[in-house]
Amino acid sequence: MSLFTPLALRSVTLRNRIGMSPMCQYSAVDGRVGDWHVVHYGARAVGGVGLVIVEAAGVEARGRISSADVGIWEDAQVEPLARVVRVVAENGAAPGIQLAHAGRKASVRTPWDQGGVPRLPGDGGWMPVAPSALPFAAGHATPEPLDVAGIEGVVRAFAAAARRALQAGFQVVEIHAAHGYLLHEFLSPLSNQRTDRYGGSLENRTRIVREVVEAVRREWPDRLPLLLRVSCTDWTEGGWDLPQTVELARQVRSLGVDLLDCSSGGNVATARIPAGPGYQVPFAEGIRRDAAIATAAVGMITSPAQAETVIRSGQADLVLLARELLRDPQFPLRAAREFGVDGPWPLQYLRAK
């Protein structure tokens, strides 16, 4: 197994083991993607990745991180997304999309507007929701705790979003349960202080994720793969951690999740994260081994040799690149040339091979 070995996930075969991690562009209008998104995602498909995962798409309007986020909560957002699907697929990559709900981290400004500070209700923002009335950090609104009816509504919103993703032509769907957003907030005892069947025990805290997976699977065809992004640790004592992630992986594997996208952090503003090259790869390796499920490694993977080592050593089945693909959209073609293999060079670029 190597970086340029195809990867079969149900009926979808990725041409290599390099994927584009979902990264918010904060460039949508009313949740609708535009020309920027078509060019941005199309360029990475042209550059040779096997999988393009479109950024976090809000399953509810109140579930957006910012008002400039991509949305998939209404039918009018489907055809703009289909434009992205077409250009990605026509250039050889599998088109995927991440379904998300920001929870208590919703309603902030874009990164280039006052550094992404919270936008409070009354200042063009909206009231965020969460498992418990605990703000993410100072300056953030205290979220409104979801009641059981509200939780059921969120689950239905994820299912409806999966249905729209299928209508748009996506081949892969990823559920976002990481980085301190709503589903992660339920998983972690640091953000979930509920005393009902959605809080307390591990079985209860993972319940909403299981319900979302089941609801999405009912809408998402059995022939198409379903991914789940998780934060494998809160990097904070008493929080969500790797052993709990392994148990969650076992639960969702039996419900139809095909691959766990293994990230970390995001739920605790004061967490100290020992970031460094490949620092999250051991999570992917451990979960792959202990939960018997395919995994993707993410986080500060920046060179072809590093990515090749992750795959060849069996630490993960897929490498998802983020910032490195922003810096170098043609990373896969560069890697292919470095390793002397036949990369997916577009005919128009053969002169540069």
Protein backbone atom coordinates (compact mmCIF):
# COMPACT_ATOMS: atom_id res chain seq x y z
CA MET A 1 0.00 0.00 0.00
CA SER A 2 1.32 3.42 -0.94
CA LEU A 3 0.14 6.98 -1.45
CA PHE A 4 -0.81 6.29 -5.07
CA THR A 5 -2.72 3.08 -4.44
CA PRO A 6 -6.45 3.47 -5.13
CA LEU A 7 -8.77 3.31 -2.12
CA ALA A 8 -12.17 1.64 -2.44
CA LEU A 9 -14.91 2.90 -0.11
CA ARG A 10 -18.09 1.01 -0.96
CA SER A 11 -18.77 1.74 -4.66
CA VAL A 12 -16.48 4.78 -4.77
CA THR A 13 -12.82 4.27 -5.64
CA LEU A 14 -10.45 7.14 -4.93
CA ARG A 15 -7.62 7.36 -7.44
CA ASN A 16 -5.06 7.81 -4.64
CA ARG A 17 -4.79 8.18 -0.86
CA ILE A 18 -4.59 12.00 -0.85
CA GLY A 19 -7.69 13.98 0.05
CA MET A 20 -8.57 17.63 0.56
CA SER A 21 -9.65 18.29 4.12
CA PRO A 22 -12.72 20.54 4.51
CA MET A 23 -11.65 24.15 5.11
CA CYS A 24 -14.10 27.03 5.50
CA GLN A 25 -13.73 29.76 2.89
CA TYR A 26 -16.19 32.21 4.48
CA SER A 27 -17.24 33.28 0.99
CA ALA A 28 -20.83 32.09 0.61
CA VAL A 29 -23.85 34.36 0.26
CA ASP A 30 -27.05 33.12 1.95
CA GLY A 31 -25.31 29.78 2.28
CA ARG A 32 -24.81 29.48 -1.47
CA VAL A 33 -21.45 28.72 -3.02
CA GLY A 34 -20.20 30.90 -5.86
CA ASP A 35 -17.46 31.19 -8.45
CA TRP A 36 -14.73 31.24 -5.79
CA HIS A 37 -15.76 27.80 -4.57
CA VAL A 38 -15.91 26.35 -8.08
CA VAL A 39 -12.38 27.55 -8.84
CA HIS A 40 -11.02 26.68 -5.38
CA TYR A 41 -12.25 23.09 -5.30
CA GLY A 42 -11.78 22.51 -9.01
CA ALA A 43 -8.12 23.49 -8.76
CA ARG A 44 -7.43 20.77 -6.19
CA ALA A 45 -9.13 18.18 -8.39
CA VAL A 46 -6.99 19.31 -11.30
CA GLY A 47 -4.01 19.11 -8.94
CA GLY A 48 -4.56 15.39 -8.51
CA VAL A 49 -6.22 14.71 -5.15
CA GLY A 50 -8.37 11.60 -4.89
CA LEU A 51 -11.07 13.17 -2.72
CA VAL A 52 -12.28 16.75 -2.35
CA ILE A 53 -14.37 17.41 0.77
CA VAL A 54 -16.28 20.66 0.51
CA GLU A 55 -16.12 22.77 3.65
CA ALA A 56 -18.52 22.57 6.60
CA ALA A 57 -22.03 23.10 5.26
CA GLY A 58 -24.54 24.22 7.85
CA VAL A 59 -27.50 21.86 8.22
CA GLU A 60 -29.38 24.75 9.83
CA ALA A 61 -28.98 28.48 9.34
CA ARG A 62 -28.27 28.84 13.06
CA GLY A 63 -25.67 26.09 12.73
CA ARG A 64 -23.31 28.19 10.63
CA ILE A 65 -20.05 29.38 12.13
CA SER A 66 -20.49 32.73 10.39
CA SER A 67 -23.03 34.32 8.08
CA ALA A 68 -20.59 33.67 5.19
CA ASP A 69 -20.61 29.89 5.66
CA VAL A 70 -21.78 27.39 3.08
CA GLY A 71 -25.24 26.02 3.78
CA ILE A 72 -27.23 22.95 2.88
CA TRP A 73 -30.37 23.65 4.89
CA GLU A 74 -32.59 24.61 1.95
CA ASP A 75 -33.21 23.34 -1.56
CA ALA A 76 -32.06 26.57 -3.22
CA GLN A 77 -28.50 25.74 -2.12
CA VAL A 78 -28.41 22.44 -4.05
CA GLU A 79 -27.78 23.62 -7.63
CA PRO A 80 -24.88 25.94 -6.68
CA LEU A 81 -23.28 22.98 -4.90
CA ALA A 82 -23.91 20.82 -7.98
CA ARG A 83 -21.66 23.19 -9.96
CA VAL A 84 -18.81 22.33 -7.59
CA VAL A 85 -19.62 18.62 -7.83
CA ARG A 86 -19.46 18.70 -11.61
CA VAL A 87 -16.10 20.44 -11.89
CA VAL A 88 -14.54 18.21 -9.23
CA ALA A 89 -15.84 14.97 -10.75
CA GLU A 90 -14.95 16.01 -14.31
CA ASN A 91 -11.36 16.40 -13.16
CA GLY A 92 -11.05 12.96 -11.62
CA ALA A 93 -11.63 13.49 -7.89
CA ALA A 94 -14.50 12.14 -5.83
CA PRO A 95 -16.67 15.03 -4.62
CA GLY A 96 -17.55 14.98 -0.92
CA ILE A 97 -19.17 17.41 1.51
CA GLN A 98 -19.02 17.87 5.27
CA LEU A 99 -22.38 18.28 7.05
CA ALA A 100 -22.01 20.45 10.12
CA HIS A 101 -23.65 22.32 12.97
CA ALA A 102 -21.53 24.85 14.85
CA GLY A 103 -23.47 24.67 18.12
CA ARG A 104 -22.16 27.11 20.73
CA LYS A 105 -19.35 28.24 18.40
CA ALA A 106 -21.83 29.67 15.90
CA SER A 107 -22.40 33.34 15.11
CA VAL A 108 -18.90 34.77 14.77
CA ARG A 109 -17.41 37.20 12.27
CA THR A 110 -15.21 35.98 9.45
CA PRO A 111 -11.48 35.66 10.23
CA TRP A 112 -10.70 38.85 8.30
CA ASP A 113 -13.46 40.80 10.08
CA GLN A 114 -12.10 41.66 13.54
CA GLY A 115 -10.38 38.31 13.75
CA GLY A 116 -13.47 36.18 13.90
CA VAL A 117 -14.81 37.59 17.19
CA PRO A 118 -18.32 36.58 18.31
CA ARG A 119 -21.23 38.39 16.70
CA LEU A 120 -23.84 38.61 19.41
CA PRO A 121 -27.60 38.74 18.95
CA GLY A 122 -28.50 42.37 18.41
CA ASP A 123 -25.29 42.93 16.44
CA GLY A 124 -26.25 40.96 13.36
CA GLY A 125 -25.71 37.62 15.08
CA TRP A 126 -28.03 34.96 16.39
CA MET A 127 -28.50 32.85 19.49
CA PRO A 128 -26.40 29.66 19.37
CA VAL A 129 -27.59 26.33 20.75
CA ALA A 130 -25.70 23.67 22.65
CA PRO A 131 -26.14 20.68 24.97
CA SER A 132 -25.76 22.94 28.03
CA ALA A 133 -25.77 26.66 28.82
CA LEU A 134 -21.98 26.95 28.76
CA PRO A 135 -20.34 29.55 26.48
CA PHE A 136 -17.28 28.48 24.52
CA ALA A 137 -15.14 31.31 25.89
CA ALA A 138 -15.33 34.83 27.29
CA GLY A 139 -17.19 37.13 24.94
CA HIS A 140 -19.26 34.36 23.40
CA ALA A 141 -23.00 34.24 23.97
CA THR A 142 -24.31 31.78 26.52
CA PRO A 143 -26.00 29.22 24.27
CA GLU A 144 -29.57 28.06 24.60
CA PRO A 145 -29.66 24.40 25.74
CA LEU A 146 -31.47 22.15 23.30
CA ASP A 147 -34.46 20.29 24.64
CA VAL A 148 -35.26 16.81 23.34
CA ALA A 149 -37.51 18.22 20.61
CA GLY A 150 -34.67 20.50 19.55
CA ILE A 151 -32.25 17.58 19.41
CA GLU A 152 -34.70 15.64 17.27
CA GLY A 153 -34.91 18.66 14.96
CA VAL A 154 -31.13 18.74 14.58
CA VAL A 155 -31.09 15.04 13.72
CA ARG A 156 -33.76 15.62 11.06
CA ALA A 157 -31.74 18.55 9.71
CA PHE A 158 -28.68 16.33 9.19
CA ALA A 159 -30.86 13.78 7.39
CA ALA A 160 -32.37 16.44 5.12
CA ALA A 161 -28.89 17.77 4.38
CA ALA A 162 -27.76 14.30 3.33
CA ARG A 163 -30.72 14.11 0.97
CA ARG A 164 -29.73 17.44 -0.59
CA ALA A 165 -26.10 16.30 -0.86
CA LEU A 166 -27.30 13.34 -2.89
CA GLN A 167 -29.39 15.61 -5.10
CA ALA A 168 -26.31 17.74 -5.74
CA GLY A 169 -24.39 14.65 -6.88
CA PHE A 170 -21.89 14.22 -4.05
CA GLN A 171 -20.32 10.76 -3.75
CA VAL A 172 -19.07 11.07 -0.17
CA VAL A 173 -20.64 12.63 2.92
CA GLU A 174 -18.78 13.43 6.14
CA ILE A 175 -20.56 14.19 9.42
CA HIS A 176 -18.71 16.80 11.48
CA ALA A 177 -18.42 15.73 15.13
CA ALA A 178 -15.13 17.49 15.89
CA HIS A 179 -13.51 20.82 16.76
CA GLY A 180 -15.92 21.88 19.47
CA TYR A 181 -18.97 22.09 17.24
CA LEU A 182 -22.38 20.79 18.25
CA LEU A 183 -21.91 17.01 18.06
CA HIS A 184 -18.51 17.24 19.74
CA GLU A 185 -20.09 19.39 22.45
CA PHE A 186 -22.44 16.51 23.26
CA LEU A 187 -19.56 14.01 23.32
CA SER A 188 -17.39 15.88 25.80
CA PRO A 189 -18.26 16.05 29.52
CA LEU A 190 -16.59 19.47 29.57
CA SER A 191 -19.37 20.93 27.43
CA ASN A 192 -22.19 18.51 28.19
CA GLN A 193 -23.63 18.72 31.70
CA ARG A 194 -27.02 17.27 30.88
CA THR A 195 -28.78 14.86 33.20
CA ASP A 196 -31.17 13.35 30.66
CA ARG A 197 -30.52 10.52 28.19
CA TYR A 198 -28.16 12.78 26.20
CA GLY A 199 -25.76 13.44 29.07
CA GLY A 200 -23.73 11.74 31.79
CA SER A 201 -22.58 8.30 30.69
CA LEU A 202 -20.57 7.62 27.54
CA GLU A 203 -23.57 5.79 26.12
CA ASN A 204 -25.72 8.87 26.62
CA ARG A 205 -23.19 11.44 25.42
CA THR A 206 -22.64 9.51 22.17
CA ARG A 207 -26.38 9.06 21.58
CA ILE A 208 -26.90 12.08 19.32
CA VAL A 209 -23.99 11.05 17.10
CA ARG A 210 -25.46 7.58 16.70
CA GLU A 211 -28.87 9.08 15.93
CA VAL A 212 -27.39 11.43 13.33
CA VAL A 213 -25.44 8.59 11.70
CA GLU A 214 -28.56 6.42 11.55
CA ALA A 215 -30.68 9.28 10.15
CA VAL A 216 -28.08 10.17 7.53
CA ARG A 217 -27.66 6.52 6.54
CA ARG A 218 -31.40 6.26 5.90
CA GLU A 219 -31.08 9.05 3.31
CA TRP A 220 -27.59 8.27 2.03
CA PRO A 221 -27.49 5.25 -0.33
CA ASP A 222 -25.86 2.07 0.88
CA ARG A 223 -23.58 2.17 -2.17
CA LEU A 224 -21.97 5.46 -1.09
CA PRO A 225 -19.45 5.94 1.74
CA LEU A 226 -20.11 7.83 4.96
CA LEU A 227 -17.28 9.46 6.95
CA LEU A 228 -17.26 10.84 10.48
CA ARG A 229 -14.82 13.55 11.59
CA VAL A 230 -13.94 13.41 15.28
CA SER A 231 -11.66 15.21 17.69
CA CYS A 232 -9.87 12.31 19.32
CA THR A 233 -9.03 14.32 22.43
CA ASP A 234 -9.92 17.64 24.04
CA TRP A 235 -6.29 17.93 25.22
CA THR A 236 -7.77 18.72 28.64
CA GLU A 237 -8.07 16.54 31.73
CA GLY A 238 -11.57 15.24 32.28
CA GLY A 239 -12.59 15.79 28.67
CA TRP A 240 -13.15 13.67 25.61
CA ASP A 241 -10.19 11.38 24.91
CA LEU A 242 -8.83 8.60 22.72
CA PRO A 243 -10.33 5.58 24.57
CA GLN A 244 -13.79 7.17 24.30
CA THR A 245 -13.15 7.85 20.61
CA VAL A 246 -12.28 4.18 20.05
CA GLU A 247 -15.57 3.16 21.65
CA LEU A 248 -17.48 5.67 19.51
CA ALA A 249 -15.72 4.30 16.42
CA ARG A 250 -16.91 0.80 17.28
CA GLN A 251 -20.46 2.07 17.74
CA VAL A 252 -20.68 3.94 14.44
CA ARG A 253 -18.88 1.29 12.40
CA SER A 254 -21.82 -1.03 12.97
CA LEU A 255 -24.22 1.78 11.92
CA GLY A 256 -22.63 2.31 8.53
CA VAL A 257 -19.68 4.68 8.98
CA ASP A 258 -16.86 3.62 6.66
CA LEU A 259 -13.98 5.84 7.77
CA LEU A 260 -13.08 7.97 10.77
CA ASP A 261 -11.41 11.31 10.03
CA CYS A 262 -9.12 11.71 13.05
CA SER A 263 -8.49 15.28 14.23
CA SER A 264 -8.35 16.76 17.75
CA GLY A 265 -9.07 19.77 19.94
CA GLY A 266 -11.36 22.73 19.41
CA ASN A 267 -13.73 22.28 22.34
CA VAL A 268 -11.71 24.01 25.06
CA ALA A 269 -10.41 27.52 24.41
CA THR A 270 -7.60 27.14 26.95
CA ALA A 271 -6.36 23.71 25.82
CA ARG A 272 -2.63 23.38 25.26
CA ILE A 273 -2.16 21.42 22.06
CA PRO A 274 1.33 20.01 21.35
CA ALA A 275 1.09 20.71 17.64
CA GLY A 276 3.92 19.52 15.43
CA PRO A 277 4.48 17.57 12.22
CA GLY A 278 2.10 14.62 12.12
CA TYR A 279 1.06 15.08 15.76
CA GLN A 280 -2.40 13.59 15.19
CA VAL A 281 -1.29 10.58 13.13
CA PRO A 282 -1.05 8.28 16.20
CA PHE A 283 -4.79 8.81 16.76
CA ALA A 284 -5.58 7.48 13.30
CA GLU A 285 -3.22 4.57 13.82
CA GLY A 286 -4.67 3.58 17.21
CA ILE A 287 -8.29 3.82 16.12
CA ARG A 288 -7.59 1.87 12.93
CA ARG A 289 -6.03 -0.89 15.02
CA ASP A 290 -8.36 -0.97 18.03
CA ALA A 291 -11.71 -0.27 16.37
CA ALA A 292 -11.04 -2.13 13.08
CA ILE A 293 -12.21 0.79 10.96
CA ALA A 294 -10.54 2.72 8.15
CA THR A 295 -9.06 6.06 9.21
CA ALA A 296 -7.79 9.32 7.75
CA ALA A 297 -4.78 11.11 9.22
CA VAL A 298 -4.80 14.90 9.33
CA GLY A 299 -2.74 17.73 10.76
CA MET A 300 0.59 19.25 9.72
CA ILE A 301 1.31 16.71 7.01
CA THR A 302 3.33 18.82 4.61
CA SER A 303 5.65 16.69 2.48
CA PRO A 304 5.18 13.81 0.05
CA ALA A 305 7.64 11.65 2.02
CA GLN A 306 5.73 12.24 5.25
CA ALA A 307 2.40 11.39 3.62
CA GLU A 308 3.86 8.28 1.98
CA THR A 309 5.19 7.05 5.33
CA VAL A 310 1.75 7.37 6.95
CA ILE A 311 0.15 5.21 4.26
CA ARG A 312 2.95 2.72 3.66
CA SER A 313 3.38 2.01 7.38
CA GLY A 314 -0.34 1.35 7.81
CA GLN A 315 -0.96 4.23 10.20
CA ALA A 316 -3.96 5.35 8.17
CA ASP A 317 -5.82 4.52 4.98
CA LEU A 318 -6.06 8.10 3.75
CA VAL A 319 -4.15 11.34 4.24
CA LEU A 320 -6.21 14.52 4.31
CA LEU A 321 -4.26 17.71 3.65
CA ALA A 322 -5.45 21.16 4.62
CA ARG A 323 -3.14 24.18 4.69
CA GLU A 324 -0.55 22.45 2.52
CA LEU A 325 -3.13 22.23 -0.27
CA LEU A 326 -3.82 25.93 0.12
CA ARG A 327 -0.12 26.58 -0.40
CA ASP A 328 0.28 23.98 -3.14
CA PRO A 329 -2.87 22.91 -5.02
CA GLN A 330 -0.79 20.48 -7.08
CA PHE A 331 0.79 18.64 -4.15
CA PRO A 332 -0.27 15.21 -5.55
CA LEU A 333 1.33 15.90 -8.93
CA ARG A 334 4.51 17.06 -7.22
CA ALA A 335 4.49 13.91 -5.06
CA ALA A 336 3.99 11.69 -8.11
CA ARG A 337 6.92 13.27 -9.87
CA GLU A 338 9.07 12.95 -6.72
CA PHE A 339 8.26 9.22 -6.42
CA GLY A 340 8.52 8.53 -10.14
CA VAL A 341 4.97 7.24 -10.46
CA ASP A 342 2.23 8.06 -12.94
CA GLY A 343 0.23 10.78 -11.25
CA PRO A 344 -3.12 12.01 -12.56
CA TRP A 345 -1.59 14.66 -14.83
CA PRO A 346 -4.21 16.60 -16.84
CA LEU A 347 -3.54 16.49 -20.56
CA GLN A 348 -3.22 20.25 -20.53
CA TYR A 349 -0.33 20.00 -18.04
CA LEU A 350 1.66 17.14 -19.56
CA ARG A 351 4.33 19.53 -20.83
CA ALA A 352 5.16 20.30 -17.20
CA LYS A 353 5.46 16.67 -16.13
